[in-house]
Amino acid sequence: MAESEPIAPLVARVSDTVAARLEEVAAEAGVSYHTLYAWGRGRRNARAEHLIRLAQVVRRRAGLLQELAGELEERAHELRPARGELLALSRSDSAGRRG
């Protein structure tokens, strides 16, 4: 990812993955929104096969988050200022908190 590329699409992917709607998670697990909601509220109990499918959804999303974390770290390294600039930023931040 080149330094000139905007960060917004990457951050949007993070947001979409983290803030998945319950409807999306339910569809990926092969159950209805109402069923997943009822499980979450303790109104119904999930069967073992449903829990396995839900675990698969969680693992898949965790994998996506791992990939996104790597991309964010890569982008941060590309944008990281030189050591002298970091020290100056740190000092000005500390001074701002004291003042």
C-alpha atoms as a PDB file:
ATOM      1  CA  MET A   1       0.000   0.000   0.000  1.00  0.00           C
ATOM      2  CA  ALA A   2       1.659   3.221  -1.132  1.00  0.00           C
ATOM      3  CA  GLU A   3       1.834   6.200   1.186  1.00  0.00           C
ATOM      4  CA  SER A   4      -0.359   8.246  -1.150  1.00  0.00           C
ATOM      5  CA  GLU A   5      -3.221   5.748  -0.928  1.00  0.00           C
ATOM      6  CA  PRO A   6      -6.058   6.909   1.311  1.00  0.00           C
ATOM      7  CA  ILE A   7      -6.546   5.151   4.621  1.00  0.00           C
ATOM      8  CA  ALA A   8     -10.340   5.531   4.571  1.00  0.00           C
ATOM      9  CA  PRO A   9     -11.107   2.297   2.663  1.00  0.00           C
ATOM     10  CA  LEU A  10      -8.996   0.273   5.096  1.00  0.00           C
ATOM     11  CA  VAL A  11     -10.615   1.854   8.149  1.00  0.00           C
ATOM     12  CA  ALA A  12     -14.059   1.323   6.572  1.00  0.00           C
ATOM     13  CA  ARG A  13     -13.282  -2.397   6.180  1.00  0.00           C
ATOM     14  CA  VAL A  14     -12.291  -2.565   9.840  1.00  0.00           C
ATOM     15  CA  SER A  15     -15.524  -0.858  10.848  1.00  0.00           C
ATOM     16  CA  ASP A  16     -17.635  -3.146   8.668  1.00  0.00           C
ATOM     17  CA  THR A  17     -15.975  -6.270  10.050  1.00  0.00           C
ATOM     18  CA  VAL A  18     -16.094  -5.234  13.700  1.00  0.00           C
ATOM     19  CA  ALA A  19     -19.599  -3.805  13.637  1.00  0.00           C
ATOM     20  CA  ALA A  20     -21.310  -6.627  11.796  1.00  0.00           C
ATOM     21  CA  ARG A  21     -25.045  -6.452  11.999  1.00  0.00           C
ATOM     22  CA  LEU A  22     -26.725  -9.319  13.787  1.00  0.00           C
ATOM     23  CA  GLU A  23     -28.638 -10.065  10.580  1.00  0.00           C
ATOM     24  CA  GLU A  24     -25.325 -10.643   8.752  1.00  0.00           C
ATOM     25  CA  VAL A  25     -23.952 -12.928  11.452  1.00  0.00           C
ATOM     26  CA  ALA A  26     -27.203 -14.902  11.561  1.00  0.00           C
ATOM     27  CA  ALA A  27     -27.238 -15.328   7.773  1.00  0.00           C
ATOM     28  CA  GLU A  28     -23.614 -16.495   7.775  1.00  0.00           C
ATOM     29  CA  ALA A  29     -24.456 -19.011  10.512  1.00  0.00           C
ATOM     30  CA  GLY A  30     -27.513 -20.225   8.600  1.00  0.00           C
ATOM     31  CA  VAL A  31     -30.116 -19.127  11.141  1.00  0.00           C
ATOM     32  CA  SER A  32     -32.633 -16.326  11.302  1.00  0.00           C
ATOM     33  CA  TYR A  33     -31.997 -13.014  12.997  1.00  0.00           C
ATOM     34  CA  HIS A  34     -34.801 -13.782  15.474  1.00  0.00           C
ATOM     35  CA  THR A  35     -33.235 -17.113  16.389  1.00  0.00           C
ATOM     36  CA  LEU A  36     -29.802 -15.602  17.000  1.00  0.00           C
ATOM     37  CA  TYR A  37     -31.371 -12.781  18.998  1.00  0.00           C
ATOM     38  CA  ALA A  38     -33.337 -15.279  21.116  1.00  0.00           C
ATOM     39  CA  TRP A  39     -30.147 -17.244  21.852  1.00  0.00           C
ATOM     40  CA  GLY A  40     -28.431 -14.061  22.936  1.00  0.00           C
ATOM     41  CA  ARG A  41     -31.274 -13.202  25.294  1.00  0.00           C
ATOM     42  CA  GLY A  42     -31.536 -16.703  26.735  1.00  0.00           C
ATOM     43  CA  ARG A  43     -35.042 -17.219  25.347  1.00  0.00           C
ATOM     44  CA  ARG A  44     -33.992 -20.224  23.267  1.00  0.00           C
ATOM     45  CA  ASN A  45     -31.141 -22.701  23.318  1.00  0.00           C
ATOM     46  CA  ALA A  46     -28.919 -23.385  20.334  1.00  0.00           C
ATOM     47  CA  ARG A  47     -28.196 -26.928  19.213  1.00  0.00           C
ATOM     48  CA  ALA A  48     -24.616 -28.124  18.914  1.00  0.00           C
ATOM     49  CA  GLU A  49     -24.549 -27.824  15.109  1.00  0.00           C
ATOM     50  CA  HIS A  50     -25.709 -24.216  15.346  1.00  0.00           C
ATOM     51  CA  LEU A  51     -22.983 -23.402  17.855  1.00  0.00           C
ATOM     52  CA  ILE A  52     -20.412 -24.962  15.537  1.00  0.00           C
ATOM     53  CA  ARG A  53     -21.634 -22.852  12.608  1.00  0.00           C
ATOM     54  CA  LEU A  54     -21.622 -19.734  14.781  1.00  0.00           C
ATOM     55  CA  ALA A  55     -18.063 -20.544  15.876  1.00  0.00           C
ATOM     56  CA  GLN A  56     -17.071 -20.835  12.199  1.00  0.00           C
ATOM     57  CA  VAL A  57     -18.503 -17.378  11.538  1.00  0.00           C
ATOM     58  CA  VAL A  58     -16.585 -15.959  14.487  1.00  0.00           C
ATOM     59  CA  ARG A  59     -13.344 -17.631  13.330  1.00  0.00           C
ATOM     60  CA  ARG A  60     -13.794 -16.337   9.789  1.00  0.00           C
ATOM     61  CA  ARG A  61     -14.353 -12.810  11.063  1.00  0.00           C
ATOM     62  CA  ALA A  62     -11.405 -13.143  13.444  1.00  0.00           C
ATOM     63  CA  GLY A  63      -9.258 -14.099  10.463  1.00  0.00           C
ATOM     64  CA  LEU A  64     -10.429 -11.019   8.594  1.00  0.00           C
ATOM     65  CA  LEU A  65      -9.610  -8.883  11.615  1.00  0.00           C
ATOM     66  CA  GLN A  66      -6.124 -10.436  11.819  1.00  0.00           C
ATOM     67  CA  GLU A  67      -5.519  -9.566   8.165  1.00  0.00           C
ATOM     68  CA  LEU A  68      -6.816  -6.043   8.670  1.00  0.00           C
ATOM     69  CA  ALA A  69      -4.608  -5.595  11.743  1.00  0.00           C
ATOM     70  CA  GLY A  70      -1.609  -6.541   9.627  1.00  0.00           C
ATOM     71  CA  GLU A  71      -2.586  -4.050   6.939  1.00  0.00           C
ATOM     72  CA  LEU A  72      -3.045  -1.305   9.534  1.00  0.00           C
ATOM     73  CA  GLU A  73       0.373  -2.015  11.030  1.00  0.00           C
ATOM     74  CA  GLU A  74       1.948  -2.003   7.575  1.00  0.00           C
ATOM     75  CA  ARG A  75       0.295   1.325   6.823  1.00  0.00           C
ATOM     76  CA  ALA A  76       1.464   2.747  10.165  1.00  0.00           C
ATOM     77  CA  HIS A  77       5.051   1.779   9.372  1.00  0.00           C
ATOM     78  CA  GLU A  78       4.770   3.543   6.012  1.00  0.00           C
ATOM     79  CA  LEU A  79       3.469   6.697   7.681  1.00  0.00           C
ATOM     80  CA  ARG A  80       5.711   6.612  10.762  1.00  0.00           C
ATOM     81  CA  PRO A  81       7.719   9.825  11.054  1.00  0.00           C
ATOM     82  CA  ALA A  82      11.444   9.741  11.623  1.00  0.00           C
ATOM     83  CA  ARG A  83      12.617   9.171  15.218  1.00  0.00           C
ATOM     84  CA  GLY A  84      13.328  12.870  15.765  1.00  0.00           C
ATOM     85  CA  GLU A  85       9.803  13.771  14.685  1.00  0.00           C
ATOM     86  CA  LEU A  86       8.358  11.180  17.073  1.00  0.00           C
ATOM     87  CA  LEU A  87      10.293  12.695  19.980  1.00  0.00           C
ATOM     88  CA  ALA A  88       9.067  16.178  19.076  1.00  0.00           C
ATOM     89  CA  LEU A  89       5.481  14.925  18.834  1.00  0.00           C
ATOM     90  CA  SER A  90       5.816  13.164  22.175  1.00  0.00           C
ATOM     91  CA  ARG A  91       7.200  16.272  23.870  1.00  0.00           C
ATOM     92  CA  SER A  92       4.488  18.537  22.471  1.00  0.00           C
ATOM     93  CA  ASP A  93       1.804  16.053  23.532  1.00  0.00           C
ATOM     94  CA  SER A  94       3.223  15.905  27.070  1.00  0.00           C
ATOM     95  CA  ALA A  95       3.422  19.684  27.278  1.00  0.00           C
ATOM     96  CA  GLY A  96      -0.178  19.958  26.125  1.00  0.00           C
ATOM     97  CA  ARG A  97      -1.384  17.648  28.883  1.00  0.00           C
ATOM     98  CA  ARG A  98       0.460  19.596  31.568  1.00  0.00           C
ATOM     99  CA  GLY A  99      -0.742  22.968  30.391  1.00  0.00           C
END
